[in-house]
Amino acid sequence: MSEIKILWADDEIDLLKPQIMFLEQKGYDVTPVTNGIDAIEKFKTHDFDIVFLDESMPGISGLETLSRIKAIHQDIPVVLITKNEEEYLMEEAIGSQITDYLIKPVKPQQILLSLKKIIDNKRLVSEKTGNTYRQEFQKIMMQINNEMTHQEWADLYRQLIFWELQLDQTDNQEMHEILNMQKSEANKEFFKFISKNYLKWVGGQAKDAPTLSNTLFRNKVKDYLNDDIPTFFLLIDNLRYDQFKVIEPFFNELFKKTKEDNFYSILPSTTQYSRNAIFSGLMPLEIYKKYSDKWFFDDDEESKNLHEQFFLEEQLKNFRFQGKSSYTKVTTNKIGKELEDNILNFLNTKINVIVYNFVDMLSHARTEMEVLKELASDEAAYRSLTVSWFDHSPLFNALQKLKDKKVRIIVTADHGTIRVQSPAKVIGDKNTTTNLRYKTGKSLNYNSKEVFEVRKPAEAMLPQNSISSSYIFAREDYYLCYPNNYNYYVNYYKNTFQHGGVSMEEMIVPFIVFESK
């Protein structure tokens, strides 16, 4: 433990020499002063980890000293020490953001306990978390190397996210690195699992296929349409499970969680494919065959998600759904404000689908804008940006208006994203798609070890633009680059968040149900 520096201001500081010596023997560095003015001057010119303040000192009071110190460093922990036990003083001190409150005479052990609570708490939590994860590490590795079902893979992914979020609360860089290595190893095995099973799932040859994008409404939403509770189906584009977990507390403030589940995004794990599959209840090839005028290939200029409301209404008809439905797509803050203003008007509608595009825009903007690359430099920072957005979003304001209403909120996504690290070369003709995590086109040339290849798109229930078109999907954290200007694009896209390929982050999608408290 590095030496903790304490500033202690008390007009009777000489009487506190035994306490100060006790702390110094424990490894703390104590700077004593006898009044508030000296305390402020010391604080301006030296770095301290914590301040002890006597409430009653000549000159300026402890509370006034506290106020001036907080103006210099808002987050510094301050312990107020006083003989006065009046309730009003305690309330004033707490309102001034003190960290702890001790009544004189203070014993050395009281001081030490306060320090442990304030300064050592994070270190102790970090050590405890690191030690517990270290014990779990071998169990997780054994799971990764065993044969697992799709549900066991989803459970493992949630377990890894749990530890990632726990370690975010610590400064244990070594454990972070070990966890990142373990996630990488898990994605290697997950890729093998998908390569072995995916075509069986979509081809109907697997008895235990997971719920996929095209069966989401049929398997997990349909049953919620049989009662009289207005249901809000909130699809936040690109929302990964870890991003959901960091905004979950906002939902928990308003509603009670009744289900935490998942489904698997189809491939390509992109909006065009997975979201159309969700709302139509069909695989892309089936959409193409049934509604050829409403399917656009990757190289078509038209928007690829213009017909989601039509697909939704058609699917609800197939369910013989009786009732009103609505569909709202939020792509701008203005539309978000309109949703916020009108949310209560949806209470007479049985199923309200809301597609919110902010997280998708955030991931794309992060790729293009240097300032966002710096703000969201890794997963933890990306999650932090997600929290900041949600906390100040019209969406959260709208949900707050539903707090006291009898409603059901389903929170999900169409797919997730992965931070790409490893470039892979691909050669294709001019009509080859530009997505970094998958390619479709004629005469694709690539290293087959770096991708999941589908030479016959119909086997993956995917349409093909020409008779010789095939699909490839990047594995783990690979991203697909052309040889032209290869080094430029490798550097430009490295560490950006992309989607369309095969990874736990992209394919294992949260499905969470909340109801009124």
Protein backbone atom coordinates (compact mmCIF):
# COMPACT_ATOMS: atom_id res chain seq x y z
CA MET A 1 0.00 0.00 0.00
CA SER A 2 1.41 3.43 -0.93
CA GLU A 3 1.67 5.90 1.95
CA ILE A 4 -1.63 7.65 2.71
CA LYS A 5 -1.25 11.40 3.33
CA ILE A 6 -3.51 12.92 6.00
CA LEU A 7 -4.08 16.62 6.74
CA TRP A 8 -5.31 17.04 10.34
CA ALA A 9 -6.53 20.46 11.53
CA ASP A 10 -7.31 20.94 15.24
CA ASP A 11 -6.55 23.85 17.57
CA GLU A 12 -5.64 21.29 20.24
CA ILE A 13 -3.38 19.31 17.94
CA ASP A 14 -0.71 18.87 20.66
CA LEU A 15 -3.19 16.80 22.66
CA LEU A 16 -3.58 14.49 19.67
CA LYS A 17 0.06 13.42 19.50
CA PRO A 18 -0.70 9.86 20.73
CA GLN A 19 -3.28 9.41 17.94
CA ILE A 20 -0.91 10.85 15.33
CA MET A 21 1.98 8.63 16.48
CA PHE A 22 -0.34 5.61 16.35
CA LEU A 23 -1.26 6.40 12.74
CA GLU A 24 2.37 7.00 11.74
CA GLN A 25 3.30 3.60 13.20
CA LYS A 26 0.58 2.14 10.96
CA GLY A 27 2.23 3.68 7.90
CA TYR A 28 0.18 6.87 7.49
CA ASP A 29 1.79 10.28 6.83
CA VAL A 30 0.10 12.94 9.02
CA THR A 31 0.51 16.71 8.53
CA PRO A 32 -0.84 18.56 11.63
CA VAL A 33 -2.05 22.20 11.61
CA THR A 34 -3.78 24.23 14.33
CA ASN A 35 -6.37 26.26 12.40
CA GLY A 36 -8.49 26.39 9.25
CA ILE A 37 -6.44 29.03 7.43
CA ASP A 38 -3.27 26.94 7.70
CA ALA A 39 -5.22 23.87 6.65
CA ILE A 40 -6.43 25.60 3.46
CA GLU A 41 -2.91 26.88 2.64
CA LYS A 42 -1.42 23.41 3.14
CA PHE A 43 -4.19 21.91 1.04
CA LYS A 44 -3.46 24.30 -1.82
CA THR A 45 0.23 23.41 -1.99
CA HIS A 46 0.34 19.71 -1.06
CA ASP A 47 -1.45 16.55 -2.12
CA PHE A 48 -3.52 14.81 0.55
CA ASP A 49 -5.66 11.70 0.45
CA ILE A 50 -7.95 12.64 3.35
CA VAL A 51 -8.61 15.56 5.72
CA PHE A 52 -9.52 15.46 9.44
CA LEU A 53 -11.17 18.70 10.58
CA ASP A 54 -11.99 19.91 14.10
CA GLU A 55 -15.44 21.51 13.98
CA SER A 56 -14.60 24.27 16.49
CA MET A 57 -11.36 26.19 15.79
CA PRO A 58 -10.40 29.86 16.29
CA GLY A 59 -10.59 31.99 13.17
CA ILE A 60 -12.72 30.10 10.65
CA SER A 61 -14.80 27.15 11.73
CA GLY A 62 -14.40 23.57 10.64
CA LEU A 63 -17.49 23.82 8.41
CA GLU A 64 -16.15 26.97 6.71
CA THR A 65 -12.78 25.23 6.23
CA LEU A 66 -14.64 22.24 4.83
CA SER A 67 -16.47 24.45 2.33
CA ARG A 68 -13.24 26.06 1.07
CA ILE A 69 -11.41 22.74 0.81
CA LYS A 70 -14.30 21.24 -1.16
CA ALA A 71 -14.15 24.24 -3.52
CA ILE A 72 -10.54 23.29 -4.29
CA HIS A 73 -11.09 19.50 -4.52
CA GLN A 74 -14.73 18.40 -4.53
CA ASP A 75 -14.02 14.67 -4.08
CA ILE A 76 -11.52 14.78 -1.21
CA PRO A 77 -12.74 12.67 1.76
CA VAL A 78 -13.24 14.83 4.87
CA VAL A 79 -13.86 13.60 8.43
CA LEU A 80 -15.37 16.15 10.81
CA ILE A 81 -14.39 15.79 14.49
CA THR A 82 -16.38 17.66 17.13
CA LYS A 83 -17.50 17.76 20.77
CA ASN A 84 -20.90 19.04 19.65
CA GLU A 85 -23.58 16.39 19.21
CA GLU A 86 -26.36 18.78 18.20
CA GLU A 87 -28.53 17.35 15.44
CA TYR A 88 -28.53 20.56 13.37
CA LEU A 89 -24.72 20.49 13.20
CA MET A 90 -24.69 16.88 12.00
CA GLU A 91 -27.27 17.72 9.33
CA GLU A 92 -25.27 20.76 8.20
CA ALA A 93 -22.05 18.74 8.08
CA ILE A 94 -23.66 15.92 6.11
CA GLY A 95 -25.20 18.47 3.74
CA SER A 96 -21.70 19.83 3.21
CA GLN A 97 -20.63 16.39 2.00
CA ILE A 98 -18.46 15.16 4.82
CA THR A 99 -17.40 11.54 4.49
CA ASP A 100 -17.46 10.62 8.18
CA TYR A 101 -18.29 12.19 11.53
CA LEU A 102 -16.50 11.48 14.85
CA ILE A 103 -17.29 12.71 18.38
CA LYS A 104 -14.46 13.78 20.72
CA PRO A 105 -12.57 12.39 22.46
CA VAL A 106 -11.52 10.14 19.59
CA LYS A 107 -9.62 6.97 20.24
CA PRO A 108 -6.83 5.80 17.91
CA GLN A 109 -8.88 2.75 16.87
CA GLN A 110 -11.82 4.99 15.90
CA ILE A 111 -9.55 7.01 13.63
CA LEU A 112 -8.08 3.85 12.14
CA LEU A 113 -11.54 2.39 11.50
CA SER A 114 -12.63 5.57 9.73
CA LEU A 115 -9.53 5.44 7.54
CA LYS A 116 -10.12 1.79 6.72
CA LYS A 117 -13.71 2.55 5.74
CA ILE A 118 -12.80 5.51 3.56
CA ILE A 119 -9.31 5.01 2.13
CA ASP A 120 -8.74 1.29 2.33
CA ASN A 121 -12.26 0.29 1.35
CA LYS A 122 -11.57 0.38 -2.41
CA ARG A 123 -8.27 -1.44 -1.98
CA LEU A 124 -9.85 -4.10 0.23
CA VAL A 125 -12.76 -4.55 -2.20
CA SER A 126 -10.28 -4.73 -5.07
CA GLU A 127 -8.22 -7.39 -3.32
CA LYS A 128 -11.32 -9.36 -2.36
CA THR A 129 -12.74 -9.17 -5.90
CA GLY A 130 -9.40 -10.12 -7.43
CA ASN A 131 -8.94 -13.07 -5.10
CA THR A 132 -12.48 -14.33 -5.70
CA TYR A 133 -12.13 -14.04 -9.47
CA ARG A 134 -8.75 -15.79 -9.25
CA GLN A 135 -10.50 -18.70 -7.54
CA GLU A 136 -13.22 -18.73 -10.22
CA PHE A 137 -10.71 -18.51 -13.07
CA GLN A 138 -10.01 -22.25 -13.25
CA LYS A 139 -13.70 -23.16 -13.07
CA ILE A 140 -14.44 -20.81 -15.96
CA MET A 141 -11.53 -22.20 -18.00
CA MET A 142 -12.83 -25.72 -17.46
CA GLN A 143 -16.26 -24.62 -18.67
CA ILE A 144 -14.77 -22.96 -21.76
CA ASN A 145 -12.93 -26.13 -22.70
CA ASN A 146 -15.96 -28.39 -22.20
CA GLU A 147 -18.76 -29.12 -24.64
CA MET A 148 -21.53 -26.63 -23.88
CA THR A 149 -25.09 -25.99 -25.00
CA HIS A 150 -26.25 -22.62 -26.33
CA GLN A 151 -27.77 -21.84 -22.92
CA GLU A 152 -24.55 -22.75 -21.12
CA TRP A 153 -22.66 -20.43 -23.47
CA ALA A 154 -25.09 -17.62 -22.66
CA ASP A 155 -24.68 -18.31 -18.93
CA LEU A 156 -20.90 -18.29 -19.28
CA TYR A 157 -21.00 -14.99 -21.16
CA ARG A 158 -23.12 -13.45 -18.39
CA GLN A 159 -20.64 -14.78 -15.84
CA LEU A 160 -17.72 -13.16 -17.67
CA ILE A 161 -19.61 -9.86 -17.85
CA PHE A 162 -20.35 -10.09 -14.12
CA TRP A 163 -16.63 -10.32 -13.36
CA GLU A 164 -15.79 -7.60 -15.86
CA LEU A 165 -18.18 -5.20 -14.16
CA GLN A 166 -16.91 -6.22 -10.72
CA LEU A 167 -13.31 -5.58 -11.76
CA ASP A 168 -14.34 -2.20 -13.21
CA GLN A 169 -14.83 -1.12 -9.60
CA THR A 170 -11.20 -1.90 -8.77
CA ASP A 171 -7.73 -0.81 -9.84
CA ASN A 172 -6.57 -4.39 -10.27
CA GLN A 173 -5.03 -4.13 -13.73
CA GLU A 174 -3.52 -7.60 -13.53
CA MET A 175 -6.95 -9.17 -13.04
CA HIS A 176 -8.37 -7.07 -15.89
CA GLU A 177 -5.71 -8.45 -18.22
CA ILE A 178 -6.40 -12.01 -17.10
CA LEU A 179 -10.13 -11.54 -17.65
CA ASN A 180 -9.55 -10.08 -21.14
CA MET A 181 -7.42 -13.12 -21.97
CA GLN A 182 -10.17 -15.39 -20.69
CA LYS A 183 -12.83 -13.61 -22.74
CA SER A 184 -10.60 -13.96 -25.79
CA GLU A 185 -10.19 -17.67 -25.13
CA ALA A 186 -13.94 -18.02 -24.66
CA ASN A 187 -14.59 -16.34 -28.01
CA LYS A 188 -12.22 -18.77 -29.73
CA GLU A 189 -14.24 -21.69 -28.43
CA PHE A 190 -17.52 -19.89 -29.06
CA PHE A 191 -16.51 -19.49 -32.70
CA LYS A 192 -15.96 -23.25 -32.95
CA PHE A 193 -19.36 -23.82 -31.31
CA ILE A 194 -21.15 -21.53 -33.79
CA SER A 195 -19.26 -22.97 -36.78
CA LYS A 196 -20.38 -26.44 -35.76
CA ASN A 197 -24.01 -25.68 -34.93
CA TYR A 198 -25.29 -22.55 -36.66
CA LEU A 199 -26.31 -24.07 -39.98
CA LYS A 200 -28.15 -26.84 -38.13
CA TRP A 201 -30.04 -24.25 -36.08
CA VAL A 202 -31.26 -22.22 -39.06
CA GLY A 203 -31.80 -25.32 -41.20
CA GLY A 204 -34.14 -26.89 -38.64
CA GLN A 205 -31.89 -29.93 -38.07
CA ALA A 206 -31.16 -29.19 -34.40
CA LYS A 207 -33.53 -30.31 -31.65
CA ASP A 208 -32.14 -27.81 -29.15
CA ALA A 209 -31.73 -24.68 -31.30
CA PRO A 210 -31.83 -21.43 -29.31
CA THR A 211 -34.32 -18.67 -29.89
CA LEU A 212 -32.93 -16.74 -32.85
CA SER A 213 -33.83 -13.30 -34.18
CA ASN A 214 -36.58 -14.72 -36.40
CA THR A 215 -38.19 -16.72 -33.59
CA LEU A 216 -37.92 -14.04 -30.88
CA PHE A 217 -41.51 -12.82 -31.09
CA ARG A 218 -42.88 -16.34 -31.48
CA ASN A 219 -40.92 -17.83 -28.56
CA LYS A 220 -40.54 -14.97 -26.07
CA VAL A 221 -42.94 -12.10 -26.85
CA LYS A 222 -46.17 -13.70 -28.09
CA ASP A 223 -47.29 -15.00 -24.68
CA TYR A 224 -47.08 -11.50 -23.21
CA LEU A 225 -49.77 -10.34 -25.64
CA ASN A 226 -52.52 -12.43 -24.04
CA ASP A 227 -53.31 -10.16 -21.08
CA ASP A 228 -54.49 -6.55 -20.74
CA ILE A 229 -51.16 -5.05 -19.65
CA PRO A 230 -49.82 -2.49 -22.19
CA THR A 231 -46.48 -3.86 -23.35
CA PHE A 232 -43.60 -1.65 -24.49
CA PHE A 233 -41.12 -3.62 -26.59
CA LEU A 234 -37.98 -1.45 -26.40
CA LEU A 235 -35.28 -2.46 -28.86
CA ILE A 236 -32.09 -0.44 -28.34
CA ASP A 237 -29.98 -1.00 -31.44
CA ASN A 238 -26.48 -2.38 -30.73
CA LEU A 239 -27.06 -2.74 -26.96
CA ARG A 240 -24.74 -5.39 -25.56
CA TYR A 241 -25.43 -7.31 -22.38
CA ASP A 242 -22.74 -5.41 -20.45
CA GLN A 243 -24.24 -2.09 -21.57
CA PHE A 244 -27.65 -3.22 -20.39
CA LYS A 245 -26.22 -4.16 -16.97
CA VAL A 246 -24.82 -0.66 -16.39
CA ILE A 247 -28.14 1.04 -17.24
CA GLU A 248 -30.21 -1.61 -15.42
CA PRO A 249 -30.21 0.41 -12.14
CA PHE A 250 -32.24 3.12 -13.90
CA PHE A 251 -34.88 0.55 -14.82
CA ASN A 252 -34.81 -0.95 -11.31
CA GLU A 253 -35.65 2.47 -9.86
CA LEU A 254 -38.88 2.49 -11.84
CA PHE A 255 -39.95 -1.14 -12.33
CA LYS A 256 -39.36 -4.64 -11.00
CA LYS A 257 -37.45 -7.12 -13.13
CA THR A 258 -39.43 -10.30 -13.73
CA LYS A 259 -37.21 -12.03 -16.28
CA GLU A 260 -33.59 -11.91 -17.45
CA ASP A 261 -33.03 -13.98 -20.57
CA ASN A 262 -31.31 -13.90 -23.94
CA PHE A 263 -31.60 -14.92 -27.56
CA TYR A 264 -29.07 -15.36 -30.36
CA SER A 265 -28.73 -12.88 -33.21
CA ILE A 266 -28.72 -14.44 -36.66
CA LEU A 267 -25.75 -13.93 -38.98
CA PRO A 268 -24.85 -11.41 -40.19
CA SER A 269 -25.32 -9.82 -36.75
CA THR A 270 -26.29 -6.48 -38.30
CA THR A 271 -29.39 -4.33 -38.30
CA GLN A 272 -30.37 -5.12 -41.89
CA TYR A 273 -30.50 -8.85 -41.25
CA SER A 274 -31.22 -9.36 -37.57
CA ARG A 275 -33.77 -6.61 -37.02
CA ASN A 276 -35.78 -7.41 -40.14
CA ALA A 277 -35.78 -11.03 -38.95
CA ILE A 278 -37.05 -10.00 -35.50
CA PHE A 279 -40.02 -8.02 -36.80
CA SER A 280 -40.95 -10.31 -39.69
CA GLY A 281 -40.46 -13.61 -37.86
CA LEU A 282 -38.65 -14.77 -40.99
CA MET A 283 -35.08 -15.48 -42.00
CA PRO A 284 -33.62 -13.11 -44.64
CA LEU A 285 -34.04 -15.66 -47.44
CA GLU A 286 -37.69 -16.11 -46.50
CA ILE A 287 -38.21 -12.33 -46.49
CA TYR A 288 -36.59 -12.11 -49.93
CA LYS A 289 -38.83 -14.84 -51.32
CA LYS A 290 -42.07 -13.63 -49.73
CA TYR A 291 -41.55 -9.87 -50.00
CA SER A 292 -39.01 -9.43 -52.78
CA ASP A 293 -39.93 -5.74 -53.17
CA LYS A 294 -39.06 -5.11 -49.51
CA TRP A 295 -35.64 -6.75 -49.35
CA PHE A 296 -32.59 -4.79 -50.45
CA PHE A 297 -29.12 -6.26 -50.87
CA ASP A 298 -26.09 -4.73 -49.22
CA ASP A 299 -24.97 -2.88 -52.35
CA ASP A 300 -28.44 -1.42 -53.03
CA GLU A 301 -28.67 2.27 -52.27
CA GLU A 302 -32.07 2.11 -50.56
CA SER A 303 -32.36 2.10 -46.77
CA LYS A 304 -32.39 -1.48 -45.51
CA ASN A 305 -34.92 -1.08 -42.67
CA LEU A 306 -37.80 0.85 -44.19
CA HIS A 307 -40.39 -1.88 -43.74
CA GLU A 308 -40.09 -2.90 -40.09
CA GLN A 309 -43.59 -1.70 -39.22
CA PHE A 310 -45.07 -3.63 -42.16
CA PHE A 311 -43.18 -6.79 -41.10
CA LEU A 312 -44.33 -6.35 -37.49
CA GLU A 313 -47.99 -5.98 -38.47
CA GLU A 314 -47.81 -9.01 -40.76
CA GLN A 315 -46.27 -11.12 -37.99
CA LEU A 316 -48.92 -10.02 -35.49
CA LYS A 317 -51.61 -11.00 -38.02
CA ASN A 318 -50.06 -14.46 -38.23
CA PHE A 319 -50.40 -14.70 -34.43
CA ARG A 320 -54.12 -13.78 -34.81
CA PHE A 321 -53.32 -10.92 -32.48
CA GLN A 322 -56.39 -8.95 -31.41
CA GLY A 323 -55.63 -5.41 -30.37
CA LYS A 324 -53.86 -2.20 -31.28
CA SER A 325 -50.14 -2.03 -32.04
CA SER A 326 -47.76 0.88 -32.58
CA TYR A 327 -44.30 1.24 -34.02
CA THR A 328 -41.94 4.15 -33.27
CA LYS A 329 -38.37 4.50 -34.52
CA VAL A 330 -36.22 7.09 -32.73
CA THR A 331 -33.27 8.24 -34.82
CA THR A 332 -32.95 11.86 -33.63
CA ASN A 333 -33.24 13.72 -30.35
CA LYS A 334 -36.29 15.57 -31.76
CA ILE A 335 -38.13 12.27 -32.29
CA GLY A 336 -37.00 11.18 -28.83
CA LYS A 337 -38.57 14.32 -27.33
CA GLU A 338 -41.79 13.61 -29.20
CA LEU A 339 -41.80 10.09 -27.74
CA GLU A 340 -41.24 11.54 -24.26
CA ASP A 341 -44.12 14.00 -24.70
CA ASN A 342 -46.55 11.39 -26.07
CA ILE A 343 -45.63 8.25 -24.13
CA LEU A 344 -48.81 8.25 -22.03
CA ASN A 345 -50.91 8.17 -25.21
CA PHE A 346 -49.62 4.64 -25.81
CA LEU A 347 -51.27 3.23 -22.68
CA ASN A 348 -54.37 2.27 -24.68
CA THR A 349 -52.27 0.29 -27.16
CA LYS A 350 -51.58 -3.38 -26.47
CA ILE A 351 -48.09 -3.69 -27.96
CA ASN A 352 -45.87 -0.65 -28.51
CA VAL A 353 -42.63 -1.28 -30.36
CA ILE A 354 -39.96 1.38 -29.88
CA VAL A 355 -36.70 1.13 -31.80
CA TYR A 356 -34.07 3.43 -30.30
CA ASN A 357 -31.00 3.98 -32.44
CA PHE A 358 -28.66 5.98 -30.19
CA VAL A 359 -26.20 3.21 -29.19
CA ASP A 360 -25.80 2.22 -32.84
CA MET A 361 -25.07 5.84 -33.75
CA LEU A 362 -22.64 6.08 -30.83
CA SER A 363 -20.62 3.09 -32.06
CA HIS A 364 -20.46 4.45 -35.62
CA ALA A 365 -19.66 7.99 -34.47
CA ARG A 366 -16.90 6.62 -32.26
CA THR A 367 -15.30 5.10 -35.36
CA GLU A 368 -15.40 8.39 -37.26
CA MET A 369 -14.67 10.95 -34.52
CA GLU A 370 -11.31 11.10 -32.77
CA VAL A 371 -12.76 12.75 -29.67
CA LEU A 372 -15.20 9.86 -29.17
CA LYS A 373 -12.40 7.34 -29.71
CA GLU A 374 -10.63 8.95 -26.78
CA LEU A 375 -13.77 9.14 -24.65
CA ALA A 376 -14.66 5.50 -25.34
CA SER A 377 -11.17 4.02 -25.51
CA ASP A 378 -12.19 0.62 -24.15
CA GLU A 379 -15.20 -1.37 -22.97
CA ALA A 380 -15.37 0.34 -19.56
CA ALA A 381 -15.35 3.80 -21.14
CA TYR A 382 -17.89 2.69 -23.77
CA ARG A 383 -20.18 1.53 -20.96
CA SER A 384 -19.68 4.84 -19.17
CA LEU A 385 -20.78 6.76 -22.27
CA THR A 386 -23.86 4.53 -22.48
CA VAL A 387 -24.77 5.39 -18.88
CA SER A 388 -24.29 9.11 -19.50
CA TRP A 389 -26.48 8.97 -22.60
CA PHE A 390 -29.28 7.00 -20.94
CA ASP A 391 -29.33 9.16 -17.80
CA HIS A 392 -29.96 12.29 -19.89
CA SER A 393 -32.03 10.74 -22.67
CA PRO A 394 -35.66 11.44 -23.59
CA LEU A 395 -36.08 7.66 -23.36
CA PHE A 396 -35.37 7.64 -19.61
CA ASN A 397 -37.68 10.63 -19.16
CA ALA A 398 -40.41 8.76 -21.03
CA LEU A 399 -39.95 5.67 -18.88
CA GLN A 400 -40.22 7.79 -15.73
CA LYS A 401 -43.70 8.86 -16.86
CA LEU A 402 -44.69 5.17 -16.96
CA LYS A 403 -43.42 4.47 -13.45
CA ASP A 404 -46.80 4.51 -11.69
CA LYS A 405 -48.76 2.98 -14.57
CA LYS A 406 -49.60 -0.69 -14.99
CA VAL A 407 -47.22 -1.55 -17.84
CA ARG A 408 -44.73 -4.13 -19.02
CA ILE A 409 -41.34 -3.11 -20.45
CA ILE A 410 -39.35 -5.54 -22.57
CA VAL A 411 -35.75 -4.40 -23.13
CA THR A 412 -33.70 -6.02 -25.85
CA ALA A 413 -31.49 -5.34 -28.89
CA ASP A 414 -30.99 -6.71 -32.37
CA HIS A 415 -27.30 -7.53 -31.91
CA GLY A 416 -24.23 -6.33 -30.03
CA THR A 417 -20.76 -5.14 -31.00
CA ILE A 418 -17.17 -6.21 -30.43
CA ARG A 419 -14.01 -4.11 -30.21
CA VAL A 420 -11.91 -5.31 -33.12
CA GLN A 421 -8.19 -5.87 -32.74
CA SER A 422 -6.92 -8.33 -35.36
CA PRO A 423 -6.90 -7.40 -39.08
CA ALA A 424 -7.54 -10.03 -41.75
CA LYS A 425 -7.06 -9.55 -45.51
CA VAL A 426 -9.95 -10.13 -47.90
CA ILE A 427 -9.98 -9.70 -51.68
CA GLY A 428 -13.26 -9.29 -53.56
CA ASP A 429 -14.77 -7.59 -56.59
CA LYS A 430 -16.14 -4.05 -56.55
CA ASN A 431 -19.58 -5.24 -55.42
CA THR A 432 -18.24 -6.91 -52.27
CA THR A 433 -19.86 -5.47 -49.15
CA THR A 434 -17.92 -2.98 -47.05
CA ASN A 435 -18.86 -4.24 -43.58
CA LEU A 436 -15.75 -5.05 -41.50
CA ARG A 437 -17.20 -8.11 -39.74
CA TYR A 438 -18.76 -9.91 -42.70
CA LYS A 439 -18.51 -9.88 -46.48
CA THR A 440 -20.76 -11.13 -49.21
CA GLY A 441 -19.80 -11.15 -52.87
CA LYS A 442 -18.39 -13.15 -55.75
CA SER A 443 -14.92 -14.70 -55.82
CA LEU A 444 -13.98 -13.78 -52.28
CA ASN A 445 -10.38 -14.56 -51.40
CA TYR A 446 -9.50 -14.93 -47.71
CA ASN A 447 -7.81 -17.04 -45.06
CA SER A 448 -10.44 -19.64 -44.14
CA LYS A 449 -8.99 -19.93 -40.61
CA GLU A 450 -10.02 -16.34 -39.85
CA VAL A 451 -13.68 -16.60 -40.85
CA PHE A 452 -16.83 -18.72 -40.73
CA GLU A 453 -17.52 -19.35 -44.41
CA VAL A 454 -20.92 -20.03 -45.96
CA ARG A 455 -20.38 -21.02 -49.57
CA LYS A 456 -24.04 -21.85 -50.11
CA PRO A 457 -26.02 -18.92 -48.63
CA ALA A 458 -29.32 -20.83 -48.75
CA GLU A 459 -27.92 -23.17 -46.07
CA ALA A 460 -27.76 -20.14 -43.74
CA MET A 461 -31.17 -18.93 -44.98
CA LEU A 462 -29.51 -15.94 -46.64
CA PRO A 463 -30.35 -14.48 -50.07
CA GLN A 464 -27.63 -14.07 -52.67
CA ASN A 465 -27.25 -11.23 -55.13
CA SER A 466 -25.71 -13.47 -57.79
CA ILE A 467 -25.51 -17.20 -58.34
CA SER A 468 -21.87 -17.32 -57.22
CA SER A 469 -22.17 -15.09 -54.11
CA SER A 470 -20.99 -16.42 -50.76
CA TYR A 471 -20.76 -15.05 -47.21
CA ILE A 472 -17.91 -14.94 -44.72
CA PHE A 473 -18.12 -13.89 -41.06
CA ALA A 474 -15.13 -12.69 -39.04
CA ARG A 475 -14.29 -14.71 -35.95
CA GLU A 476 -13.43 -13.40 -32.48
CA ASP A 477 -12.02 -9.84 -32.73
CA TYR A 478 -10.93 -9.96 -36.39
CA TYR A 479 -11.88 -7.25 -38.88
CA LEU A 480 -11.80 -7.66 -42.63
CA CYS A 481 -9.69 -5.24 -44.69
CA TYR A 482 -8.90 -4.98 -48.39
CA PRO A 483 -5.27 -5.01 -49.60
CA ASN A 484 -5.64 -1.48 -51.04
CA ASN A 485 -4.39 1.03 -48.47
CA TYR A 486 -4.25 -1.90 -46.09
CA ASN A 487 -2.10 -0.30 -43.37
CA TYR A 488 -4.20 2.87 -43.33
CA TYR A 489 -7.46 0.97 -42.78
CA VAL A 490 -5.87 -1.40 -40.29
CA ASN A 491 -4.83 1.54 -38.11
CA TYR A 492 -8.04 3.50 -38.71
CA TYR A 493 -10.39 0.73 -37.63
CA LYS A 494 -8.32 -0.98 -34.94
CA ASN A 495 -10.04 -0.75 -31.52
CA THR A 496 -13.35 0.37 -33.04
CA PHE A 497 -16.64 -1.32 -32.15
CA GLN A 498 -18.05 -3.32 -35.06
CA HIS A 499 -20.75 -5.91 -35.65
CA GLY A 500 -21.78 -8.51 -38.19
CA GLY A 501 -19.50 -11.39 -37.20
CA VAL A 502 -19.22 -14.25 -34.75
CA SER A 503 -18.60 -13.38 -31.10
CA MET A 504 -20.45 -13.68 -27.81
CA GLU A 505 -20.73 -9.89 -27.64
CA GLU A 506 -22.49 -9.66 -31.02
CA MET A 507 -24.64 -12.78 -30.97
CA ILE A 508 -25.79 -13.28 -27.35
CA VAL A 509 -28.44 -10.60 -26.98
CA PRO A 510 -30.17 -9.56 -23.72
CA PHE A 511 -33.92 -10.01 -23.34
CA ILE A 512 -35.19 -8.48 -20.10
CA VAL A 513 -38.75 -8.05 -18.84
CA PHE A 514 -39.84 -5.41 -16.31
CA GLU A 515 -43.28 -4.86 -14.84
CA SER A 516 -44.86 -2.27 -12.56
CA LYS A 517 -43.83 -2.43 -8.92
